[in-house]
N, C-alpha and C. Protein backbone atom coordinates (compact mmCIF):
# COMPACT_ATOMS: atom_id res chain seq x y z
N UNK A 1 0.85 -1.18 0.00
CA UNK A 1 0.00 0.00 0.00
C UNK A 1 0.90 1.24 0.00
N UNK A 2 0.48 2.23 -0.74
CA UNK A 2 1.20 3.50 -0.79
C UNK A 2 0.48 4.47 0.16
N UNK A 3 1.21 4.97 1.16
CA UNK A 3 0.62 5.78 2.22
C UNK A 3 1.27 7.16 2.23
N UNK A 4 0.43 8.19 2.06
CA UNK A 4 0.89 9.57 2.08
C UNK A 4 0.95 10.04 3.53
N UNK A 5 2.09 10.59 3.94
CA UNK A 5 2.27 11.09 5.30
C UNK A 5 2.08 12.60 5.33
N UNK A 6 1.17 13.06 6.18
CA UNK A 6 0.95 14.50 6.35
C UNK A 6 2.12 15.08 7.16
N UNK A 7 2.23 16.40 7.15
CA UNK A 7 3.32 17.09 7.84
C UNK A 7 3.36 16.77 9.32
N UNK A 8 2.19 16.67 9.95
CA UNK A 8 2.20 16.41 11.39
C UNK A 8 2.71 15.02 11.72
N UNK A 9 2.57 14.08 10.80
CA UNK A 9 3.12 12.73 11.00
C UNK A 9 4.64 12.79 10.87
N UNK A 10 5.14 13.51 9.86
CA UNK A 10 6.58 13.67 9.72
C UNK A 10 7.17 14.38 10.93
N UNK A 11 6.51 15.43 11.38
CA UNK A 11 6.94 16.20 12.55
C UNK A 11 7.04 15.29 13.78
N UNK A 12 5.97 14.54 14.04
CA UNK A 12 5.94 13.67 15.22
C UNK A 12 6.95 12.54 15.13
N UNK A 13 7.18 12.03 13.92
CA UNK A 13 8.17 10.97 13.74
C UNK A 13 9.57 11.46 14.06
N UNK A 14 9.84 12.71 13.74
CA UNK A 14 11.16 13.28 13.99
C UNK A 14 11.32 13.75 15.43
N UNK A 15 10.26 14.25 16.01
CA UNK A 15 10.33 14.87 17.34
C UNK A 15 10.70 13.89 18.44
N UNK A 16 10.19 12.68 18.37
CA UNK A 16 10.49 11.71 19.42
C UNK A 16 10.38 10.30 18.88
N UNK A 17 10.98 9.39 19.62
CA UNK A 17 10.93 7.97 19.26
C UNK A 17 9.66 7.35 19.85
N UNK A 18 8.54 8.02 19.70
CA UNK A 18 7.28 7.59 20.29
C UNK A 18 6.43 6.76 19.36
N UNK A 19 5.14 6.78 19.64
CA UNK A 19 4.18 5.93 18.94
C UNK A 19 4.10 6.21 17.44
N UNK A 20 4.19 7.47 17.04
CA UNK A 20 4.07 7.79 15.61
C UNK A 20 5.29 7.28 14.85
N UNK A 21 6.47 7.48 15.40
CA UNK A 21 7.66 6.95 14.73
C UNK A 21 7.58 5.43 14.63
N UNK A 22 7.15 4.78 15.70
CA UNK A 22 7.02 3.32 15.67
C UNK A 22 5.99 2.88 14.63
N UNK A 23 4.88 3.61 14.51
CA UNK A 23 3.88 3.27 13.51
C UNK A 23 4.45 3.38 12.10
N UNK A 24 5.15 4.46 11.82
CA UNK A 24 5.75 4.65 10.49
C UNK A 24 6.76 3.54 10.21
N UNK A 25 7.57 3.20 11.20
CA UNK A 25 8.55 2.12 11.02
C UNK A 25 7.86 0.79 10.79
N UNK A 26 6.76 0.55 11.50
CA UNK A 26 6.01 -0.70 11.32
C UNK A 26 5.38 -0.77 9.92
N UNK A 27 4.85 0.36 9.48
CA UNK A 27 4.26 0.43 8.13
C UNK A 27 5.32 0.04 7.10
N UNK A 28 6.50 0.61 7.24
CA UNK A 28 7.58 0.33 6.30
C UNK A 28 8.07 -1.12 6.42
N UNK A 29 8.17 -1.63 7.64
CA UNK A 29 8.62 -3.00 7.86
C UNK A 29 7.67 -4.02 7.24
N UNK A 30 6.40 -3.65 7.14
CA UNK A 30 5.39 -4.53 6.53
C UNK A 30 5.39 -4.43 5.01
N UNK A 31 6.29 -3.62 4.46
CA UNK A 31 6.41 -3.52 3.01
C UNK A 31 5.58 -2.43 2.36
N UNK A 32 4.95 -1.58 3.15
CA UNK A 32 4.19 -0.48 2.59
C UNK A 32 5.13 0.68 2.27
N UNK A 33 4.77 1.46 1.28
CA UNK A 33 5.58 2.61 0.88
C UNK A 33 5.03 3.88 1.52
N UNK A 34 5.89 4.59 2.26
CA UNK A 34 5.51 5.88 2.82
C UNK A 34 6.01 6.96 1.87
N UNK A 35 5.12 7.89 1.55
CA UNK A 35 5.47 8.97 0.63
C UNK A 35 5.08 10.32 1.23
N UNK A 36 5.77 11.35 0.78
CA UNK A 36 5.45 12.73 1.17
C UNK A 36 5.89 13.63 0.04
N UNK A 37 5.21 14.75 -0.10
CA UNK A 37 5.62 15.70 -1.13
C UNK A 37 6.36 16.87 -0.50
N UNK A 38 6.88 17.72 -1.36
CA UNK A 38 7.67 18.85 -0.88
C UNK A 38 6.85 19.82 -0.03
N UNK A 39 5.55 19.89 -0.27
CA UNK A 39 4.68 20.78 0.52
C UNK A 39 4.66 20.36 1.99
N UNK A 40 4.39 19.08 2.26
CA UNK A 40 4.33 18.63 3.65
C UNK A 40 5.71 18.55 4.28
N UNK A 41 6.72 18.22 3.48
CA UNK A 41 8.08 18.18 4.01
C UNK A 41 8.51 19.58 4.47
N UNK A 42 8.21 20.59 3.65
CA UNK A 42 8.57 21.97 4.02
C UNK A 42 7.82 22.42 5.27
N UNK A 43 6.55 22.05 5.38
CA UNK A 43 5.77 22.43 6.57
C UNK A 43 6.33 21.76 7.82
N UNK A 44 6.62 20.48 7.73
CA UNK A 44 7.18 19.76 8.88
C UNK A 44 8.54 20.36 9.28
N UNK A 45 9.38 20.62 8.29
CA UNK A 45 10.70 21.19 8.57
C UNK A 45 10.58 22.57 9.24
N UNK A 46 9.70 23.40 8.70
CA UNK A 46 9.49 24.75 9.26
C UNK A 46 9.05 24.67 10.72
N UNK A 47 8.11 23.77 11.02
CA UNK A 47 7.63 23.63 12.40
C UNK A 47 8.70 23.08 13.32
N UNK A 48 9.50 22.13 12.83
CA UNK A 48 10.60 21.62 13.65
C UNK A 48 11.63 22.70 13.92
N UNK A 49 11.97 23.48 12.91
CA UNK A 49 12.94 24.57 13.09
C UNK A 49 12.47 25.54 14.17
N UNK A 50 11.17 25.83 14.21
CA UNK A 50 10.63 26.78 15.17
C UNK A 50 10.45 26.21 16.56
N UNK A 51 10.12 24.91 16.66
CA UNK A 51 9.72 24.34 17.95
C UNK A 51 10.69 23.31 18.53
N UNK A 52 11.34 22.53 17.67
CA UNK A 52 12.21 21.44 18.13
C UNK A 52 13.41 21.30 17.20
N UNK A 53 14.22 22.34 17.11
CA UNK A 53 15.32 22.31 16.15
C UNK A 53 16.30 21.17 16.41
N UNK A 54 16.39 20.70 17.63
CA UNK A 54 17.28 19.57 17.93
C UNK A 54 16.83 18.29 17.22
N UNK A 55 15.59 18.25 16.77
CA UNK A 55 15.06 17.06 16.09
C UNK A 55 15.33 17.05 14.59
N UNK A 56 15.94 18.09 14.06
CA UNK A 56 16.18 18.15 12.61
C UNK A 56 17.04 17.00 12.09
N UNK A 57 18.08 16.56 12.79
CA UNK A 57 18.82 15.39 12.30
C UNK A 57 17.94 14.13 12.24
N UNK A 58 17.06 13.95 13.21
CA UNK A 58 16.13 12.81 13.17
C UNK A 58 15.16 12.95 12.00
N UNK A 59 14.75 14.18 11.72
CA UNK A 59 13.86 14.44 10.58
C UNK A 59 14.52 13.99 9.28
N UNK A 60 15.79 14.34 9.11
CA UNK A 60 16.50 13.94 7.90
C UNK A 60 16.61 12.41 7.81
N UNK A 61 16.79 11.74 8.94
CA UNK A 61 16.83 10.27 8.95
C UNK A 61 15.48 9.68 8.58
N UNK A 62 14.40 10.27 9.08
CA UNK A 62 13.05 9.82 8.73
C UNK A 62 12.85 9.95 7.22
N UNK A 63 13.27 11.07 6.67
CA UNK A 63 13.08 11.32 5.24
C UNK A 63 13.85 10.35 4.34
N UNK A 64 14.92 9.78 4.85
CA UNK A 64 15.68 8.81 4.06
C UNK A 64 14.85 7.60 3.68
N UNK A 65 13.82 7.30 4.49
CA UNK A 65 12.99 6.12 4.24
C UNK A 65 11.62 6.48 3.68
N UNK A 66 11.46 7.73 3.26
CA UNK A 66 10.20 8.21 2.71
C UNK A 66 10.43 8.60 1.25
N UNK A 67 9.57 8.13 0.36
CA UNK A 67 9.67 8.53 -1.05
C UNK A 67 9.21 9.97 -1.19
N UNK A 68 10.06 10.80 -1.77
CA UNK A 68 9.75 12.22 -1.92
C UNK A 68 9.17 12.47 -3.29
N UNK A 69 8.06 13.21 -3.31
CA UNK A 69 7.32 13.47 -4.54
C UNK A 69 7.18 14.97 -4.78
N UNK A 70 6.91 15.34 -6.00
CA UNK A 70 6.62 16.73 -6.32
C UNK A 70 5.23 17.09 -5.81
N UNK A 71 5.04 18.33 -5.47
CA UNK A 71 3.73 18.80 -5.03
C UNK A 71 2.85 19.08 -6.24
N UNK A 72 1.59 18.62 -6.22
CA UNK A 72 0.70 18.89 -7.35
C UNK A 72 0.20 20.33 -7.31
N UNK A 73 -0.25 20.85 -8.45
CA UNK A 73 -0.68 22.24 -8.51
C UNK A 73 -2.03 22.51 -7.84
N UNK A 74 -2.95 21.56 -7.87
CA UNK A 74 -4.29 21.83 -7.34
C UNK A 74 -5.07 20.54 -7.17
N UNK A 75 -6.20 20.63 -6.49
CA UNK A 75 -7.07 19.47 -6.37
C UNK A 75 -7.59 19.08 -7.74
N UNK A 76 -7.73 17.79 -8.00
CA UNK A 76 -8.21 17.35 -9.31
C UNK A 76 -9.66 17.70 -9.59
N UNK A 77 -10.43 17.99 -8.58
CA UNK A 77 -11.84 18.33 -8.77
C UNK A 77 -12.21 19.52 -7.87
N UNK A 78 -12.81 20.54 -8.44
CA UNK A 78 -13.20 21.70 -7.62
C UNK A 78 -14.13 21.33 -6.46
N UNK A 79 -14.94 20.30 -6.62
CA UNK A 79 -15.85 19.93 -5.54
C UNK A 79 -15.11 19.41 -4.31
N UNK A 80 -13.90 18.89 -4.49
CA UNK A 80 -13.11 18.43 -3.36
C UNK A 80 -12.61 19.59 -2.51
N UNK A 81 -12.52 20.76 -3.10
CA UNK A 81 -12.05 21.94 -2.36
C UNK A 81 -12.98 22.28 -1.20
N UNK A 82 -14.23 21.87 -1.29
CA UNK A 82 -15.19 22.17 -0.22
C UNK A 82 -14.93 21.35 1.04
N UNK A 83 -14.14 20.29 0.93
CA UNK A 83 -13.92 19.40 2.05
C UNK A 83 -12.93 19.92 3.09
N UNK A 84 -12.00 20.77 2.67
CA UNK A 84 -10.90 21.17 3.54
C UNK A 84 -10.58 22.65 3.41
N UNK A 85 -9.98 23.23 4.46
CA UNK A 85 -9.47 24.60 4.35
C UNK A 85 -8.36 24.66 3.29
N UNK A 86 -8.12 25.82 2.78
CA UNK A 86 -7.18 26.00 1.68
C UNK A 86 -5.79 25.42 1.96
N UNK A 87 -5.27 25.61 3.18
CA UNK A 87 -3.91 25.14 3.46
C UNK A 87 -3.81 23.61 3.52
N UNK A 88 -4.93 22.91 3.70
CA UNK A 88 -4.91 21.45 3.76
C UNK A 88 -5.27 20.79 2.43
N UNK A 89 -5.78 21.54 1.51
CA UNK A 89 -6.16 20.97 0.20
C UNK A 89 -5.00 20.34 -0.55
N UNK A 90 -3.80 20.97 -0.52
CA UNK A 90 -2.68 20.34 -1.24
C UNK A 90 -2.30 18.96 -0.71
N UNK A 91 -2.57 18.70 0.55
CA UNK A 91 -2.25 17.40 1.14
C UNK A 91 -3.12 16.32 0.48
N UNK A 92 -4.42 16.55 0.46
CA UNK A 92 -5.32 15.59 -0.18
C UNK A 92 -5.06 15.50 -1.68
N UNK A 93 -4.79 16.65 -2.30
CA UNK A 93 -4.52 16.66 -3.74
C UNK A 93 -3.31 15.79 -4.08
N UNK A 94 -2.28 15.91 -3.28
CA UNK A 94 -1.08 15.13 -3.55
C UNK A 94 -1.33 13.64 -3.37
N UNK A 95 -2.02 13.28 -2.31
CA UNK A 95 -2.34 11.86 -2.08
C UNK A 95 -3.14 11.30 -3.25
N UNK A 96 -4.08 12.08 -3.76
CA UNK A 96 -4.91 11.64 -4.89
C UNK A 96 -4.06 11.53 -6.16
N UNK A 97 -3.36 12.60 -6.48
CA UNK A 97 -2.64 12.64 -7.75
C UNK A 97 -1.45 11.69 -7.79
N UNK A 98 -0.93 11.31 -6.64
CA UNK A 98 0.18 10.36 -6.61
C UNK A 98 -0.31 8.93 -6.37
N UNK A 99 -1.61 8.74 -6.52
CA UNK A 99 -2.24 7.43 -6.45
C UNK A 99 -1.92 6.66 -5.17
N UNK A 100 -2.03 7.37 -4.06
CA UNK A 100 -1.85 6.72 -2.76
C UNK A 100 -3.15 6.03 -2.38
N UNK A 101 -3.04 4.94 -1.69
CA UNK A 101 -4.24 4.25 -1.22
C UNK A 101 -4.72 4.82 0.11
N UNK A 102 -3.79 5.47 0.85
CA UNK A 102 -4.16 6.02 2.16
C UNK A 102 -3.44 7.33 2.42
N UNK A 103 -4.07 8.15 3.24
CA UNK A 103 -3.50 9.39 3.74
C UNK A 103 -3.48 9.27 5.26
N UNK A 104 -2.30 9.39 5.84
CA UNK A 104 -2.14 9.31 7.30
C UNK A 104 -1.93 10.71 7.84
N UNK A 105 -2.84 11.16 8.70
CA UNK A 105 -2.75 12.49 9.27
C UNK A 105 -3.23 12.49 10.72
N UNK A 106 -2.59 13.31 11.50
CA UNK A 106 -3.02 13.51 12.88
C UNK A 106 -3.75 14.84 13.04
N UNK A 107 -4.11 15.48 11.95
CA UNK A 107 -4.79 16.77 11.97
C UNK A 107 -6.28 16.55 12.26
N UNK A 108 -6.59 16.44 13.54
CA UNK A 108 -7.98 16.21 13.95
C UNK A 108 -8.88 17.39 13.67
N UNK A 109 -8.32 18.59 13.68
CA UNK A 109 -9.12 19.79 13.46
C UNK A 109 -9.75 19.79 12.07
N UNK A 110 -8.96 19.46 11.05
CA UNK A 110 -9.44 19.58 9.68
C UNK A 110 -9.79 18.27 9.00
N UNK A 111 -9.21 17.17 9.45
CA UNK A 111 -9.43 15.90 8.75
C UNK A 111 -10.31 14.91 9.52
N UNK A 112 -10.56 15.13 10.80
CA UNK A 112 -11.24 14.10 11.60
C UNK A 112 -12.60 13.70 11.04
N UNK A 113 -13.33 14.62 10.45
CA UNK A 113 -14.64 14.25 9.89
C UNK A 113 -14.51 13.39 8.63
N UNK A 114 -13.28 13.31 8.10
CA UNK A 114 -13.03 12.49 6.91
C UNK A 114 -12.38 11.14 7.26
N UNK A 115 -12.01 10.95 8.53
CA UNK A 115 -11.38 9.68 8.92
C UNK A 115 -12.29 8.51 8.57
N UNK A 116 -11.69 7.51 7.97
CA UNK A 116 -12.44 6.31 7.59
C UNK A 116 -13.13 6.42 6.25
N UNK A 117 -13.13 7.61 5.65
CA UNK A 117 -13.75 7.79 4.35
C UNK A 117 -12.71 7.62 3.24
N UNK A 118 -13.19 7.24 2.07
CA UNK A 118 -12.33 7.16 0.89
C UNK A 118 -12.78 8.22 -0.09
N UNK A 119 -11.83 9.08 -0.46
CA UNK A 119 -12.11 10.19 -1.36
C UNK A 119 -11.19 10.05 -2.57
N UNK A 120 -11.79 9.90 -3.74
CA UNK A 120 -11.04 9.75 -5.00
C UNK A 120 -9.98 8.65 -4.88
N UNK A 121 -10.34 7.57 -4.21
CA UNK A 121 -9.45 6.42 -4.10
C UNK A 121 -8.50 6.44 -2.92
N UNK A 122 -8.52 7.51 -2.12
CA UNK A 122 -7.61 7.64 -0.98
C UNK A 122 -8.41 7.52 0.31
N UNK A 123 -8.09 6.52 1.12
CA UNK A 123 -8.74 6.41 2.43
C UNK A 123 -7.97 7.27 3.43
N UNK A 124 -8.70 7.99 4.24
CA UNK A 124 -8.10 8.96 5.16
C UNK A 124 -8.15 8.38 6.56
N UNK A 125 -6.98 8.41 7.24
CA UNK A 125 -6.86 7.75 8.54
C UNK A 125 -6.10 8.59 9.55
N UNK A 126 -6.52 8.47 10.79
CA UNK A 126 -5.73 8.92 11.92
C UNK A 126 -4.67 7.85 12.16
N UNK A 127 -3.65 8.13 12.96
CA UNK A 127 -2.67 7.09 13.26
C UNK A 127 -3.32 5.84 13.87
N UNK A 128 -4.19 6.02 14.83
CA UNK A 128 -4.86 4.87 15.45
C UNK A 128 -5.71 4.12 14.43
N UNK A 129 -6.43 4.86 13.60
CA UNK A 129 -7.29 4.23 12.60
C UNK A 129 -6.49 3.40 11.60
N UNK A 130 -5.36 3.93 11.14
CA UNK A 130 -4.55 3.17 10.19
C UNK A 130 -3.93 1.95 10.86
N UNK A 131 -3.49 2.11 12.10
CA UNK A 131 -2.92 0.97 12.82
C UNK A 131 -3.95 -0.15 12.93
N UNK A 132 -5.20 0.20 13.18
CA UNK A 132 -6.27 -0.81 13.27
C UNK A 132 -6.52 -1.47 11.92
N UNK A 133 -6.53 -0.69 10.85
CA UNK A 133 -6.74 -1.24 9.50
C UNK A 133 -5.61 -2.20 9.16
N UNK A 134 -4.39 -1.82 9.44
CA UNK A 134 -3.25 -2.67 9.10
C UNK A 134 -3.18 -3.94 9.96
N UNK A 135 -3.74 -3.87 11.15
CA UNK A 135 -3.74 -5.04 12.03
C UNK A 135 -4.74 -6.09 11.59
N UNK A 136 -5.73 -5.70 10.78
CA UNK A 136 -6.77 -6.64 10.34
C UNK A 136 -6.26 -7.62 9.32
């Protein structure tokens, strides 16, 4: 399965050797591909620089095992724009346009109402939700 990682997942994976990093490592160990585009990578890096600059070396190590993709220009369908605030639309657009089967995000504020739904072929999951799906 190809899984798109949102910026907050990259941030959390770099910040500590906690549950999110373990989940990403488990996803990869099971043979799934973790991907991220330059948009989410830049956001995660910016937040780490501002809040946890000591974690930047860990961030670079996390990125070594993540396939890096170009950021798409826009959502493939204008109707999808109604689902998310403008700053979060590129995340879903990239997951769709790069043919990911899943989007992993911890952004409960903007994505929680979409958890468990499949939009344009991409199922949207919280970390706990994806862990449960993969355990089945």
